Amino acid sequence: MTTEVIPLHTEVAEAAEQALATLSRYLNRCKLAANTVRAYRRQAVAYVAWLTARAADHPDAFADQVGAEAAVTTWRRHLLRGKKSSPATVNQALAAVTLLYEHGPQLRVIVKRVRVPKPGEPDALEPAEQGKVERASLRRSERDAAIIAVLLYTGARVEECEQLDLDDVAITPRTGSIRLHGKGDEVHDVPIPAVARQRIMAWIAVRGNHPGPLWTGQRGRLTTSGITQVVLAVGKDAGFPGLRPHRLRHTYGTRLRQNGADVAQVQALLNHASIETSARYFRAGRAEQTAVVEATFEQ
């Protein structure tokens, strides 16, 4: 008489799938940004697939903290060996898996994060380049010019730009502000300078004053993908293929610093959670350092 043996790695796979289901329920109700939720789901699924294929090597991956940390540490090494895994991507993956264990087997996994080098000067458009982008947007349409104006002159994230409704815009002949809906339930108002007010009003004159999404296309509200496609098209017309919304946000932050804003003002206007994120705009690049030295020691 023989006794059926249930392979231990089957138990690991089942525990991993249960944890994944629990994490999914948590992400459905959490207040993280939509892009972050999607990234966490993707990374958690990737970890479970990786672990399931190697369950025999990590039979206690969901049994206790020691086993869990050993499995996650091995996965960390696996990610670092991948050619496409930047330090930021690896750390995002580790954050997702930490949540997987926290909400699944309720284990507090502590794995060393990858050191992310401090970024230098953000990839902002030079003033002449910005001018080319704005002129290209004006040649396309009132809507596209207004989208570029909002991204360049309010520093809105593409997700914040997408969520704009007409009643989020308050413009008078002399002043104006825009209400941006940030991560979670955060809402903050940003002043709109005159040039952006003109382009937004020109679009509203075409769009009409009826309530609803500020940006519309053939199928209704323009999505983040649709806005990104507008920026890509404008960038191509201006001679900057591959231009994306976040570069316009970087341009906004850089202009603020160049015109005297301090780090606290940049943090408030860009709605950064950490002042360290805003501080990157104060790390001048080589070109700016050279210009400062030349101006200082000019004969």
C-alpha atoms as a PDB file:
ATOM      1  CA  MET A   1       0.000   0.000   0.000  1.00  0.00           C
ATOM      2  CA  THR A   2       1.359   3.396  -0.967  1.00  0.00           C
ATOM      3  CA  THR A   3       0.645   6.783   0.563  1.00  0.00           C
ATOM      4  CA  GLU A   4       0.023   9.742  -1.723  1.00  0.00           C
ATOM      5  CA  VAL A   5       2.637  12.435  -1.198  1.00  0.00           C
ATOM      6  CA  ILE A   6       1.588  16.016  -1.770  1.00  0.00           C
ATOM      7  CA  PRO A   7       4.580  17.970  -3.074  1.00  0.00           C
ATOM      8  CA  LEU A   8       5.531  20.796  -0.749  1.00  0.00           C
ATOM      9  CA  HIS A   9       5.881  23.225  -3.658  1.00  0.00           C
ATOM     10  CA  THR A  10       2.134  22.872  -4.320  1.00  0.00           C
ATOM     11  CA  GLU A  11       1.479  24.337  -0.884  1.00  0.00           C
ATOM     12  CA  VAL A  12       3.793  27.253  -1.666  1.00  0.00           C
ATOM     13  CA  ALA A  13       1.954  27.960  -4.914  1.00  0.00           C
ATOM     14  CA  GLU A  14      -1.431  27.855  -3.182  1.00  0.00           C
ATOM     15  CA  ALA A  15      -0.238  30.172  -0.399  1.00  0.00           C
ATOM     16  CA  ALA A  16       1.169  32.579  -2.993  1.00  0.00           C
ATOM     17  CA  GLU A  17      -2.104  32.685  -4.922  1.00  0.00           C
ATOM     18  CA  GLN A  18      -4.096  33.273  -1.735  1.00  0.00           C
ATOM     19  CA  ALA A  19      -1.779  36.144  -0.787  1.00  0.00           C
ATOM     20  CA  LEU A  20      -2.142  37.600  -4.274  1.00  0.00           C
ATOM     21  CA  ALA A  21      -5.937  37.502  -3.991  1.00  0.00           C
ATOM     22  CA  THR A  22      -5.796  39.250  -0.604  1.00  0.00           C
ATOM     23  CA  LEU A  23      -3.458  41.920  -1.956  1.00  0.00           C
ATOM     24  CA  SER A  24      -5.768  42.471  -4.915  1.00  0.00           C
ATOM     25  CA  ARG A  25      -8.709  43.146  -2.584  1.00  0.00           C
ATOM     26  CA  TYR A  26      -6.607  45.635  -0.641  1.00  0.00           C
ATOM     27  CA  LEU A  27      -5.503  47.464  -3.813  1.00  0.00           C
ATOM     28  CA  ASN A  28      -9.124  47.709  -4.936  1.00  0.00           C
ATOM     29  CA  ARG A  29      -9.960  49.908  -1.966  1.00  0.00           C
ATOM     30  CA  CYS A  30      -6.684  51.709  -1.191  1.00  0.00           C
ATOM     31  CA  LYS A  31      -6.009  55.378  -1.976  1.00  0.00           C
ATOM     32  CA  LEU A  32      -2.823  54.878  -3.959  1.00  0.00           C
ATOM     33  CA  ALA A  33      -2.532  56.476  -7.400  1.00  0.00           C
ATOM     34  CA  ALA A  34      -3.969  54.388 -10.227  1.00  0.00           C
ATOM     35  CA  ASN A  35      -0.565  53.981 -11.891  1.00  0.00           C
ATOM     36  CA  THR A  36       0.950  52.791  -8.611  1.00  0.00           C
ATOM     37  CA  VAL A  37      -1.844  50.249  -8.121  1.00  0.00           C
ATOM     38  CA  ARG A  38      -1.304  48.873 -11.618  1.00  0.00           C
ATOM     39  CA  ALA A  39       2.447  48.655 -11.053  1.00  0.00           C
ATOM     40  CA  TYR A  40       2.013  46.873  -7.697  1.00  0.00           C
ATOM     41  CA  ARG A  41      -0.366  44.336  -9.231  1.00  0.00           C
ATOM     42  CA  ARG A  42       2.060  43.663 -12.067  1.00  0.00           C
ATOM     43  CA  GLN A  43       5.060  43.271  -9.757  1.00  0.00           C
ATOM     44  CA  ALA A  44       3.210  41.034  -7.285  1.00  0.00           C
ATOM     45  CA  VAL A  45       2.017  38.757 -10.099  1.00  0.00           C
ATOM     46  CA  ALA A  46       5.588  38.602 -11.449  1.00  0.00           C
ATOM     47  CA  TYR A  47       6.909  37.588  -8.016  1.00  0.00           C
ATOM     48  CA  VAL A  48       4.285  34.868  -7.582  1.00  0.00           C
ATOM     49  CA  ALA A  49       5.075  33.473 -11.044  1.00  0.00           C
ATOM     50  CA  TRP A  50       8.797  33.510 -10.281  1.00  0.00           C
ATOM     51  CA  LEU A  51       8.311  31.878  -6.886  1.00  0.00           C
ATOM     52  CA  THR A  52       5.926  29.213  -8.192  1.00  0.00           C
ATOM     53  CA  ALA A  53       8.537  28.139 -10.728  1.00  0.00           C
ATOM     54  CA  ARG A  54      11.130  27.836  -7.932  1.00  0.00           C
ATOM     55  CA  ALA A  55       8.925  26.681  -5.059  1.00  0.00           C
ATOM     56  CA  ALA A  56      11.136  23.666  -4.388  1.00  0.00           C
ATOM     57  CA  ASP A  57      14.017  26.041  -3.579  1.00  0.00           C
ATOM     58  CA  HIS A  58      11.850  28.124  -1.215  1.00  0.00           C
ATOM     59  CA  PRO A  59       9.458  25.719   0.516  1.00  0.00           C
ATOM     60  CA  ASP A  60       9.028  28.057   3.499  1.00  0.00           C
ATOM     61  CA  ALA A  61       8.480  31.248   1.474  1.00  0.00           C
ATOM     62  CA  PHE A  62       5.097  31.713   3.154  1.00  0.00           C
ATOM     63  CA  ALA A  63       5.766  29.811   6.363  1.00  0.00           C
ATOM     64  CA  ASP A  64       7.652  32.402   8.404  1.00  0.00           C
ATOM     65  CA  GLN A  65       9.568  35.660   8.161  1.00  0.00           C
ATOM     66  CA  VAL A  66      12.966  33.989   7.666  1.00  0.00           C
ATOM     67  CA  GLY A  67      11.705  31.936   4.736  1.00  0.00           C
ATOM     68  CA  ALA A  68       9.891  34.906   3.240  1.00  0.00           C
ATOM     69  CA  GLU A  69      12.913  37.204   3.444  1.00  0.00           C
ATOM     70  CA  ALA A  70      15.160  34.535   1.935  1.00  0.00           C
ATOM     71  CA  ALA A  71      12.810  34.171  -1.057  1.00  0.00           C
ATOM     72  CA  VAL A  72      12.402  37.908  -1.576  1.00  0.00           C
ATOM     73  CA  THR A  73      16.158  38.489  -1.269  1.00  0.00           C
ATOM     74  CA  THR A  74      16.780  35.893  -3.972  1.00  0.00           C
ATOM     75  CA  TRP A  75      14.157  37.543  -6.148  1.00  0.00           C
ATOM     76  CA  ARG A  76      15.869  40.897  -5.578  1.00  0.00           C
ATOM     77  CA  ARG A  77      19.118  39.448  -6.930  1.00  0.00           C
ATOM     78  CA  HIS A  78      17.185  38.034  -9.876  1.00  0.00           C
ATOM     79  CA  LEU A  79      15.766  41.474 -10.703  1.00  0.00           C
ATOM     80  CA  LEU A  80      19.142  43.184 -10.397  1.00  0.00           C
ATOM     81  CA  ARG A  81      20.597  40.773 -12.931  1.00  0.00           C
ATOM     82  CA  GLY A  82      17.894  41.772 -15.419  1.00  0.00           C
ATOM     83  CA  LYS A  83      19.063  44.317 -17.998  1.00  0.00           C
ATOM     84  CA  LYS A  84      15.813  46.305 -17.833  1.00  0.00           C
ATOM     85  CA  SER A  85      15.506  46.516 -14.051  1.00  0.00           C
ATOM     86  CA  SER A  86      16.524  49.976 -12.863  1.00  0.00           C
ATOM     87  CA  PRO A  87      17.045  50.582  -9.119  1.00  0.00           C
ATOM     88  CA  ALA A  88      13.719  52.439  -8.984  1.00  0.00           C
ATOM     89  CA  THR A  89      11.921  49.524 -10.659  1.00  0.00           C
ATOM     90  CA  VAL A  90      13.475  47.011  -8.271  1.00  0.00           C
ATOM     91  CA  ASN A  91      12.465  49.100  -5.267  1.00  0.00           C
ATOM     92  CA  GLN A  92       8.928  49.394  -6.603  1.00  0.00           C
ATOM     93  CA  ALA A  93       8.823  45.602  -6.973  1.00  0.00           C
ATOM     94  CA  LEU A  94      10.074  45.133  -3.408  1.00  0.00           C
ATOM     95  CA  ALA A  95       7.424  47.545  -2.124  1.00  0.00           C
ATOM     96  CA  ALA A  96       4.729  45.542  -3.926  1.00  0.00           C
ATOM     97  CA  VAL A  97       5.955  42.246  -2.484  1.00  0.00           C
ATOM     98  CA  THR A  98       6.201  43.752   0.984  1.00  0.00           C
ATOM     99  CA  LEU A  99       2.496  44.571   0.695  1.00  0.00           C
ATOM    100  CA  LEU A 100       1.832  41.060  -0.621  1.00  0.00           C
ATOM    101  CA  TYR A 101       3.249  39.542   2.562  1.00  0.00           C
ATOM    102  CA  GLU A 102       1.721  42.176   4.817  1.00  0.00           C
ATOM    103  CA  HIS A 103      -1.819  41.605   3.561  1.00  0.00           C
ATOM    104  CA  GLY A 104      -1.467  37.892   2.755  1.00  0.00           C
ATOM    105  CA  PRO A 105       0.263  35.821   5.456  1.00  0.00           C
ATOM    106  CA  GLN A 106       0.700  39.020   7.539  1.00  0.00           C
ATOM    107  CA  LEU A 107       4.467  38.800   7.646  1.00  0.00           C
ATOM    108  CA  ARG A 108       6.659  41.878   7.976  1.00  0.00           C
ATOM    109  CA  VAL A 109       9.309  41.323   5.333  1.00  0.00           C
ATOM    110  CA  ILE A 110      12.439  43.480   5.620  1.00  0.00           C
ATOM    111  CA  VAL A 111      14.678  43.423   2.554  1.00  0.00           C
ATOM    112  CA  LYS A 112      17.298  46.056   1.795  1.00  0.00           C
ATOM    113  CA  ARG A 113      16.227  48.452  -0.927  1.00  0.00           C
ATOM    114  CA  VAL A 114      18.470  49.231  -3.872  1.00  0.00           C
ATOM    115  CA  ARG A 115      20.318  52.516  -3.636  1.00  0.00           C
ATOM    116  CA  VAL A 116      18.956  54.969  -6.193  1.00  0.00           C
ATOM    117  CA  PRO A 117      21.570  57.511  -7.305  1.00  0.00           C
ATOM    118  CA  LYS A 118      20.522  61.078  -6.650  1.00  0.00           C
ATOM    119  CA  PRO A 119      19.261  62.502  -9.922  1.00  0.00           C
ATOM    120  CA  GLY A 120      20.888  65.538 -11.385  1.00  0.00           C
ATOM    121  CA  GLU A 121      19.148  68.315 -13.226  1.00  0.00           C
ATOM    122  CA  PRO A 122      15.701  67.180 -14.443  1.00  0.00           C
ATOM    123  CA  ASP A 123      15.286  66.749 -18.181  1.00  0.00           C
ATOM    124  CA  ALA A 124      13.624  70.112 -18.782  1.00  0.00           C
ATOM    125  CA  LEU A 125      13.135  71.872 -22.088  1.00  0.00           C
ATOM    126  CA  GLU A 126      15.371  74.861 -22.711  1.00  0.00           C
ATOM    127  CA  PRO A 127      13.445  78.135 -23.198  1.00  0.00           C
ATOM    128  CA  ALA A 128      13.973  78.038 -26.991  1.00  0.00           C
ATOM    129  CA  GLU A 129      12.818  74.417 -27.093  1.00  0.00           C
ATOM    130  CA  GLN A 130       9.763  75.276 -25.024  1.00  0.00           C
ATOM    131  CA  GLY A 131       8.924  78.021 -27.501  1.00  0.00           C
ATOM    132  CA  LYS A 132       9.051  75.535 -30.392  1.00  0.00           C
ATOM    133  CA  VAL A 133       6.733  73.158 -28.532  1.00  0.00           C
ATOM    134  CA  GLU A 134       4.221  75.906 -27.790  1.00  0.00           C
ATOM    135  CA  ARG A 135       4.228  77.150 -31.382  1.00  0.00           C
ATOM    136  CA  ALA A 136       3.723  73.597 -32.647  1.00  0.00           C
ATOM    137  CA  SER A 137       0.751  73.149 -30.312  1.00  0.00           C
ATOM    138  CA  LEU A 138      -0.828  76.387 -31.552  1.00  0.00           C
ATOM    139  CA  ARG A 139      -0.557  75.149 -35.149  1.00  0.00           C
ATOM    140  CA  ARG A 140      -2.443  71.958 -34.286  1.00  0.00           C
ATOM    141  CA  SER A 141      -5.612  73.102 -32.510  1.00  0.00           C
ATOM    142  CA  GLU A 142      -7.003  75.161 -29.624  1.00  0.00           C
ATOM    143  CA  ARG A 143      -7.456  71.983 -27.579  1.00  0.00           C
ATOM    144  CA  ASP A 144      -3.888  70.762 -28.062  1.00  0.00           C
ATOM    145  CA  ALA A 145      -2.496  74.232 -27.324  1.00  0.00           C
ATOM    146  CA  ALA A 146      -4.518  74.366 -24.091  1.00  0.00           C
ATOM    147  CA  ILE A 147      -3.354  70.883 -23.009  1.00  0.00           C
ATOM    148  CA  ILE A 148       0.289  71.845 -23.561  1.00  0.00           C
ATOM    149  CA  ALA A 149      -0.308  75.122 -21.708  1.00  0.00           C
ATOM    150  CA  VAL A 150      -1.767  73.350 -18.670  1.00  0.00           C
ATOM    151  CA  LEU A 151       1.128  70.884 -18.517  1.00  0.00           C
ATOM    152  CA  LEU A 152       3.782  73.576 -19.036  1.00  0.00           C
ATOM    153  CA  TYR A 153       2.323  76.326 -16.857  1.00  0.00           C
ATOM    154  CA  THR A 154       0.776  74.409 -13.943  1.00  0.00           C
ATOM    155  CA  GLY A 155       3.092  71.378 -13.740  1.00  0.00           C
ATOM    156  CA  ALA A 156       0.093  69.037 -13.725  1.00  0.00           C
ATOM    157  CA  ARG A 157       0.728  65.308 -13.845  1.00  0.00           C
ATOM    158  CA  VAL A 158      -0.859  63.661 -16.875  1.00  0.00           C
ATOM    159  CA  GLU A 159      -3.374  61.903 -14.574  1.00  0.00           C
ATOM    160  CA  GLU A 160      -4.314  65.254 -13.020  1.00  0.00           C
ATOM    161  CA  CYS A 161      -4.685  66.795 -16.456  1.00  0.00           C
ATOM    162  CA  GLU A 162      -6.982  63.971 -17.563  1.00  0.00           C
ATOM    163  CA  GLN A 163      -9.320  64.389 -14.563  1.00  0.00           C
ATOM    164  CA  LEU A 164      -9.986  68.073 -15.173  1.00  0.00           C
ATOM    165  CA  ASP A 165     -13.581  69.161 -15.572  1.00  0.00           C
ATOM    166  CA  LEU A 166     -14.722  72.577 -16.718  1.00  0.00           C
ATOM    167  CA  ASP A 167     -15.630  73.597 -13.158  1.00  0.00           C
ATOM    168  CA  ASP A 168     -12.010  72.947 -12.071  1.00  0.00           C
ATOM    169  CA  VAL A 169     -10.985  76.043 -14.025  1.00  0.00           C
ATOM    170  CA  ALA A 170     -11.540  79.517 -12.551  1.00  0.00           C
ATOM    171  CA  ILE A 171     -10.474  82.346 -14.859  1.00  0.00           C
ATOM    172  CA  THR A 172     -11.133  86.076 -14.718  1.00  0.00           C
ATOM    173  CA  PRO A 173      -9.669  88.810 -16.966  1.00  0.00           C
ATOM    174  CA  ARG A 174      -6.811  89.312 -14.481  1.00  0.00           C
ATOM    175  CA  THR A 175      -6.335  86.058 -12.579  1.00  0.00           C
ATOM    176  CA  GLY A 176      -6.913  82.364 -12.836  1.00  0.00           C
ATOM    177  CA  SER A 177      -6.395  79.067 -11.065  1.00  0.00           C
ATOM    178  CA  ILE A 178      -6.903  75.412 -11.764  1.00  0.00           C
ATOM    179  CA  ARG A 179      -7.960  72.699  -9.313  1.00  0.00           C
ATOM    180  CA  LEU A 180      -5.870  69.552  -9.681  1.00  0.00           C
ATOM    181  CA  HIS A 181      -6.991  66.228  -8.252  1.00  0.00           C
ATOM    182  CA  GLY A 182      -3.817  64.479  -7.091  1.00  0.00           C
ATOM    183  CA  LYS A 183      -2.998  61.124  -5.575  1.00  0.00           C
ATOM    184  CA  GLY A 184      -5.665  59.681  -3.327  1.00  0.00           C
ATOM    185  CA  ASP A 185      -8.165  62.392  -2.427  1.00  0.00           C
ATOM    186  CA  GLU A 186      -5.676  65.270  -2.546  1.00  0.00           C
ATOM    187  CA  VAL A 187      -6.859  68.431  -4.239  1.00  0.00           C
ATOM    188  CA  HIS A 188      -4.749  71.541  -4.704  1.00  0.00           C
ATOM    189  CA  ASP A 189      -5.180  74.819  -6.562  1.00  0.00           C
ATOM    190  CA  VAL A 190      -2.442  76.146  -8.835  1.00  0.00           C
ATOM    191  CA  PRO A 191      -2.310  79.681 -10.283  1.00  0.00           C
ATOM    192  CA  ILE A 192      -2.555  79.971 -14.070  1.00  0.00           C
ATOM    193  CA  PRO A 193      -0.337  82.625 -15.706  1.00  0.00           C
ATOM    194  CA  ALA A 194      -1.729  84.891 -18.420  1.00  0.00           C
ATOM    195  CA  VAL A 195      -0.398  82.980 -21.436  1.00  0.00           C
ATOM    196  CA  ALA A 196      -2.000  79.742 -20.231  1.00  0.00           C
ATOM    197  CA  ARG A 197      -5.271  81.533 -19.364  1.00  0.00           C
ATOM    198  CA  GLN A 198      -5.524  82.784 -22.933  1.00  0.00           C
ATOM    199  CA  ARG A 199      -5.053  79.323 -24.426  1.00  0.00           C
ATOM    200  CA  ILE A 200      -7.471  77.640 -22.041  1.00  0.00           C
ATOM    201  CA  MET A 201     -10.129  80.256 -22.741  1.00  0.00           C
ATOM    202  CA  ALA A 202      -9.585  79.853 -26.490  1.00  0.00           C
ATOM    203  CA  TRP A 203     -10.265  76.130 -26.112  1.00  0.00           C
ATOM    204  CA  ILE A 204     -13.336  76.676 -23.918  1.00  0.00           C
ATOM    205  CA  ALA A 205     -14.729  79.020 -26.588  1.00  0.00           C
ATOM    206  CA  VAL A 206     -14.517  76.112 -29.046  1.00  0.00           C
ATOM    207  CA  ARG A 207     -15.589  73.438 -26.535  1.00  0.00           C
ATOM    208  CA  GLY A 208     -18.521  75.363 -25.091  1.00  0.00           C
ATOM    209  CA  ASN A 209     -19.445  76.127 -21.482  1.00  0.00           C
ATOM    210  CA  HIS A 210     -21.411  72.944 -20.770  1.00  0.00           C
ATOM    211  CA  PRO A 211     -20.336  70.982 -17.666  1.00  0.00           C
ATOM    212  CA  GLY A 212     -18.170  67.914 -17.976  1.00  0.00           C
ATOM    213  CA  PRO A 213     -14.645  66.900 -18.984  1.00  0.00           C
ATOM    214  CA  LEU A 214     -12.358  69.747 -19.975  1.00  0.00           C
ATOM    215  CA  TRP A 215     -10.641  67.633 -22.634  1.00  0.00           C
ATOM    216  CA  THR A 216     -12.821  65.762 -25.084  1.00  0.00           C
ATOM    217  CA  GLY A 217     -12.205  63.671 -28.165  1.00  0.00           C
ATOM    218  CA  GLN A 218     -14.338  61.611 -30.498  1.00  0.00           C
ATOM    219  CA  ARG A 219     -15.217  59.157 -27.700  1.00  0.00           C
ATOM    220  CA  GLY A 220     -15.749  61.570 -24.843  1.00  0.00           C
ATOM    221  CA  ARG A 221     -13.246  62.365 -22.106  1.00  0.00           C
ATOM    222  CA  LEU A 222      -9.647  62.268 -23.279  1.00  0.00           C
ATOM    223  CA  THR A 223      -7.731  59.575 -21.370  1.00  0.00           C
ATOM    224  CA  THR A 224      -4.161  59.762 -20.051  1.00  0.00           C
ATOM    225  CA  SER A 225      -3.153  57.821 -23.141  1.00  0.00           C
ATOM    226  CA  GLY A 226      -4.952  60.335 -25.331  1.00  0.00           C
ATOM    227  CA  ILE A 227      -3.229  63.280 -23.637  1.00  0.00           C
ATOM    228  CA  THR A 228       0.129  61.540 -23.978  1.00  0.00           C
ATOM    229  CA  GLN A 229      -0.546  61.038 -27.681  1.00  0.00           C
ATOM    230  CA  VAL A 230      -1.254  64.767 -28.021  1.00  0.00           C
ATOM    231  CA  VAL A 231       2.090  65.590 -26.366  1.00  0.00           C
ATOM    232  CA  LEU A 232       3.921  63.062 -28.540  1.00  0.00           C
ATOM    233  CA  ALA A 233       2.357  64.534 -31.691  1.00  0.00           C
ATOM    234  CA  VAL A 234       3.197  68.112 -30.668  1.00  0.00           C
ATOM    235  CA  GLY A 235       6.744  67.049 -29.796  1.00  0.00           C
ATOM    236  CA  LYS A 236       7.183  65.391 -33.172  1.00  0.00           C
ATOM    237  CA  ASP A 237       5.938  68.524 -34.956  1.00  0.00           C
ATOM    238  CA  ALA A 238       8.345  70.652 -32.897  1.00  0.00           C
ATOM    239  CA  GLY A 239      11.327  68.417 -33.623  1.00  0.00           C
ATOM    240  CA  PHE A 240      11.356  66.579 -30.288  1.00  0.00           C
ATOM    241  CA  PRO A 241      10.169  63.019 -30.978  1.00  0.00           C
ATOM    242  CA  GLY A 242       9.396  61.069 -27.831  1.00  0.00           C
ATOM    243  CA  LEU A 243       8.302  64.143 -25.848  1.00  0.00           C
ATOM    244  CA  ARG A 244       6.147  63.089 -22.893  1.00  0.00           C
ATOM    245  CA  PRO A 245       3.980  64.946 -20.359  1.00  0.00           C
ATOM    246  CA  HIS A 246       6.387  64.463 -17.457  1.00  0.00           C
ATOM    247  CA  ARG A 247       9.088  66.402 -19.288  1.00  0.00           C
ATOM    248  CA  LEU A 248       6.732  69.370 -19.417  1.00  0.00           C
ATOM    249  CA  ARG A 249       6.221  69.000 -15.650  1.00  0.00           C
ATOM    250  CA  HIS A 250      10.014  69.015 -15.217  1.00  0.00           C
ATOM    251  CA  THR A 251      10.166  72.146 -17.342  1.00  0.00           C
ATOM    252  CA  TYR A 252       7.640  73.857 -15.054  1.00  0.00           C
ATOM    253  CA  GLY A 253       9.618  72.970 -11.911  1.00  0.00           C
ATOM    254  CA  THR A 254      12.883  74.095 -13.485  1.00  0.00           C
ATOM    255  CA  ARG A 255      11.419  77.454 -14.569  1.00  0.00           C
ATOM    256  CA  LEU A 256      10.125  78.053 -11.048  1.00  0.00           C
ATOM    257  CA  ARG A 257      13.590  77.528  -9.587  1.00  0.00           C
ATOM    258  CA  GLN A 258      15.315  79.595 -12.281  1.00  0.00           C
ATOM    259  CA  ASN A 259      13.001  82.501 -11.532  1.00  0.00           C
ATOM    260  CA  GLY A 260      13.581  82.559  -7.793  1.00  0.00           C
ATOM    261  CA  ALA A 261      11.146  80.070  -6.253  1.00  0.00           C
ATOM    262  CA  ASP A 262      12.502  78.338  -3.160  1.00  0.00           C
ATOM    263  CA  VAL A 263      12.304  74.612  -2.557  1.00  0.00           C
ATOM    264  CA  ALA A 264       9.194  74.903  -0.341  1.00  0.00           C
ATOM    265  CA  GLN A 265       7.337  76.824  -3.054  1.00  0.00           C
ATOM    266  CA  VAL A 266       8.325  74.255  -5.674  1.00  0.00           C
ATOM    267  CA  GLN A 267       7.133  71.465  -3.378  1.00  0.00           C
ATOM    268  CA  ALA A 268       3.765  73.166  -2.853  1.00  0.00           C
ATOM    269  CA  LEU A 269       3.162  73.972  -6.517  1.00  0.00           C
ATOM    270  CA  LEU A 270       4.196  70.514  -7.759  1.00  0.00           C
ATOM    271  CA  ASN A 271       2.390  68.851  -4.833  1.00  0.00           C
ATOM    272  CA  HIS A 272       5.370  66.678  -3.928  1.00  0.00           C
ATOM    273  CA  ALA A 273       4.936  64.516  -0.839  1.00  0.00           C
ATOM    274  CA  SER A 274       8.617  64.921   0.057  1.00  0.00           C
ATOM    275  CA  ILE A 275      10.758  68.038  -0.111  1.00  0.00           C
ATOM    276  CA  GLU A 276      13.604  65.765  -1.236  1.00  0.00           C
ATOM    277  CA  THR A 277      11.771  65.224  -4.517  1.00  0.00           C
ATOM    278  CA  SER A 278      11.557  68.983  -5.040  1.00  0.00           C
ATOM    279  CA  ALA A 279      15.228  69.415  -4.151  1.00  0.00           C
ATOM    280  CA  ARG A 280      16.321  67.786  -7.400  1.00  0.00           C
ATOM    281  CA  TYR A 281      15.342  70.959  -9.232  1.00  0.00           C
ATOM    282  CA  PHE A 282      18.036  72.754  -7.257  1.00  0.00           C
ATOM    283  CA  ARG A 283      20.864  70.503  -8.477  1.00  0.00           C
ATOM    284  CA  ALA A 284      22.147  72.486 -11.407  1.00  0.00           C
ATOM    285  CA  GLY A 285      23.415  70.624 -14.437  1.00  0.00           C
ATOM    286  CA  ARG A 286      26.777  71.079 -16.121  1.00  0.00           C
ATOM    287  CA  ALA A 287      25.561  73.699 -18.602  1.00  0.00           C
ATOM    288  CA  GLU A 288      24.155  75.905 -15.857  1.00  0.00           C
ATOM    289  CA  GLN A 289      27.249  75.474 -13.687  1.00  0.00           C
ATOM    290  CA  THR A 290      29.435  76.538 -16.619  1.00  0.00           C
ATOM    291  CA  ALA A 291      27.277  79.616 -17.248  1.00  0.00           C
ATOM    292  CA  VAL A 292      27.495  80.652 -13.592  1.00  0.00           C
ATOM    293  CA  VAL A 293      31.293  80.328 -13.546  1.00  0.00           C
ATOM    294  CA  GLU A 294      31.647  82.247 -16.809  1.00  0.00           C
ATOM    295  CA  ALA A 295      29.383  85.059 -15.555  1.00  0.00           C
ATOM    296  CA  THR A 296      31.161  85.223 -12.178  1.00  0.00           C
ATOM    297  CA  PHE A 297      34.676  85.499 -13.589  1.00  0.00           C
ATOM    298  CA  GLU A 298      33.894  87.458 -16.744  1.00  0.00           C
ATOM    299  CA  GLN A 299      36.670  89.960 -17.456  1.00  0.00           C
END
